[in-house]
């Protein structure tokens, strides 16, 4: 009886799975059963961390803005700065504010001066 060579479908499927875990070490990139487990775990982590990345960056931006506002005594804290910013209806998102705070502090001073001056004008009108 002649020898039967198996089809390429299973090999193609394993090769596709192996390409997803190519950077893993040891059995995690060699054994088929382990490859499937690692692929599922990696996909789970990537899905979970896409949401976390947004959260971490927002925290970073808030920390940067808070540091600059406290350091230069623009306002007492971040929350007062943001509160006055929204009260003035200047809707600048935190990402842009943090970039301004890091690279161009004079621009942040101008924004804060405009907020402070508008608050003084508003208080004088109410008196």
Protein backbone atom coordinates (compact mmCIF):
# COMPACT_ATOMS: atom_id res chain seq x y z
CA UNK A 1 0.00 0.00 0.00
CA UNK A 2 1.31 3.42 -0.85
CA UNK A 3 1.98 6.10 1.72
CA UNK A 4 -0.67 8.80 2.13
CA UNK A 5 0.52 12.34 2.64
CA UNK A 6 -1.81 14.41 4.74
CA UNK A 7 -3.41 17.58 3.42
CA UNK A 8 -2.13 21.07 3.95
CA UNK A 9 -5.22 22.47 5.71
CA UNK A 10 -4.16 21.51 9.25
CA UNK A 11 -0.61 22.67 8.59
CA UNK A 12 -1.89 25.99 7.27
CA UNK A 13 -4.09 26.46 10.36
CA UNK A 14 -1.18 25.69 12.71
CA UNK A 15 1.11 28.00 10.77
CA UNK A 16 -1.41 30.83 11.07
CA UNK A 17 -1.66 30.30 14.83
CA UNK A 18 2.12 30.06 15.12
CA UNK A 19 2.55 33.42 13.37
CA UNK A 20 0.47 35.11 16.10
CA UNK A 21 2.80 33.88 18.87
CA UNK A 22 6.08 34.13 17.02
CA UNK A 23 7.76 36.30 19.65
CA UNK A 24 6.93 34.04 22.58
CA UNK A 25 9.57 31.92 24.29
CA UNK A 26 9.94 28.17 24.69
CA UNK A 27 6.96 25.89 24.32
CA UNK A 28 4.66 28.90 24.06
CA UNK A 29 5.73 29.35 20.46
CA UNK A 30 6.33 25.70 19.53
CA UNK A 31 3.65 23.36 20.85
CA UNK A 32 0.27 23.60 19.16
CA UNK A 33 -1.85 23.25 22.28
CA UNK A 34 0.20 25.83 24.13
CA UNK A 35 0.13 28.15 21.09
CA UNK A 36 -3.68 28.15 21.07
CA UNK A 37 -3.83 28.95 24.79
CA UNK A 38 -1.30 31.77 24.45
CA UNK A 39 -3.11 33.19 21.45
CA UNK A 40 -6.40 33.35 23.37
CA UNK A 41 -4.68 34.92 26.38
CA UNK A 42 -2.92 37.49 24.21
CA UNK A 43 -6.12 38.47 22.43
CA UNK A 44 -7.87 38.83 25.79
CA UNK A 45 -5.12 41.09 27.13
CA UNK A 46 -5.01 43.22 24.00
CA UNK A 47 -8.78 43.76 24.15
CA UNK A 48 -8.66 44.62 27.85
CA UNK A 49 -5.69 46.94 27.59
CA UNK A 50 -7.08 49.01 24.74
CA UNK A 51 -9.51 50.47 27.27
CA UNK A 52 -6.87 50.78 29.96
CA UNK A 53 -4.54 52.69 27.65
CA UNK A 54 -7.09 55.48 27.31
CA UNK A 55 -7.48 55.60 31.07
CA UNK A 56 -3.73 55.72 31.71
CA UNK A 57 -3.16 58.51 29.22
CA UNK A 58 -5.96 60.59 30.71
CA UNK A 59 -4.34 60.16 34.15
CA UNK A 60 -0.99 61.24 32.72
CA UNK A 61 -2.47 64.36 31.13
CA UNK A 62 -4.24 65.33 34.35
CA UNK A 63 -1.03 64.83 36.35
CA UNK A 64 0.93 67.03 33.96
CA UNK A 65 -1.63 69.83 34.01
CA UNK A 66 -1.87 69.67 37.80
CA UNK A 67 1.91 69.84 38.17
CA UNK A 68 2.25 72.92 35.98
CA UNK A 69 -0.70 74.75 37.56
CA UNK A 70 0.63 74.14 41.08
CA UNK A 71 4.26 74.82 40.18
CA UNK A 72 3.56 78.19 38.61
CA UNK A 73 0.72 79.04 41.01
CA UNK A 74 -1.76 79.67 38.22
CA UNK A 75 -4.52 78.13 40.34
CA UNK A 76 -4.44 76.24 43.62
CA UNK A 77 -5.12 72.93 41.95
CA UNK A 78 -6.07 71.17 38.76
CA UNK A 79 -9.75 70.91 39.66
CA UNK A 80 -10.12 74.68 40.12
CA UNK A 81 -8.36 75.30 36.81
CA UNK A 82 -10.67 72.90 34.95
CA UNK A 83 -13.74 74.25 36.75
CA UNK A 84 -12.93 77.82 35.71
CA UNK A 85 -12.09 76.66 32.21
CA UNK A 86 -15.51 75.08 31.81
CA UNK A 87 -17.22 78.03 33.44
CA UNK A 88 -15.59 80.23 30.79
CA UNK A 89 -16.81 77.69 28.19
CA UNK A 90 -13.33 77.10 26.79
CA UNK A 91 -13.60 73.46 25.86
CA UNK A 92 -9.97 72.44 25.41
CA UNK A 93 -9.42 68.78 26.03
CA UNK A 94 -6.88 67.52 28.54
CA UNK A 95 -4.53 66.10 25.92
CA UNK A 96 -4.05 69.49 24.26
CA UNK A 97 -3.82 71.27 27.62
CA UNK A 98 -1.06 68.91 28.77
CA UNK A 99 0.87 69.43 25.53
CA UNK A 100 0.57 73.20 26.01
CA UNK A 101 1.62 72.87 29.65
CA UNK A 102 4.75 70.88 28.78
CA UNK A 103 5.94 72.57 25.60
CA UNK A 104 4.58 76.12 25.79
CA UNK A 105 3.99 77.32 29.35
CA UNK A 106 3.42 80.89 28.17
CA UNK A 107 0.39 79.68 26.23
CA UNK A 108 -1.00 78.11 29.40
CA UNK A 109 -0.41 81.40 31.25
CA UNK A 110 -2.38 83.25 28.58
CA UNK A 111 -5.25 80.78 28.89
CA UNK A 112 -5.27 81.14 32.67
CA UNK A 113 -5.02 84.94 32.50
CA UNK A 114 -8.02 85.03 30.20
CA UNK A 115 -9.95 82.85 32.66
CA UNK A 116 -8.98 85.00 35.64
CA UNK A 117 -9.76 88.28 33.89
CA UNK A 118 -13.13 87.04 32.67
CA UNK A 119 -14.00 85.93 36.22
CA UNK A 120 -13.12 89.41 37.56
CA UNK A 121 -15.24 91.11 34.89
CA UNK A 122 -18.12 88.75 35.65
CA UNK A 123 -17.88 89.48 39.41
CA UNK A 124 -17.86 93.24 38.78
CA UNK A 125 -21.00 92.97 36.67
CA UNK A 126 -22.78 91.10 39.46
CA UNK A 127 -21.90 93.80 42.07
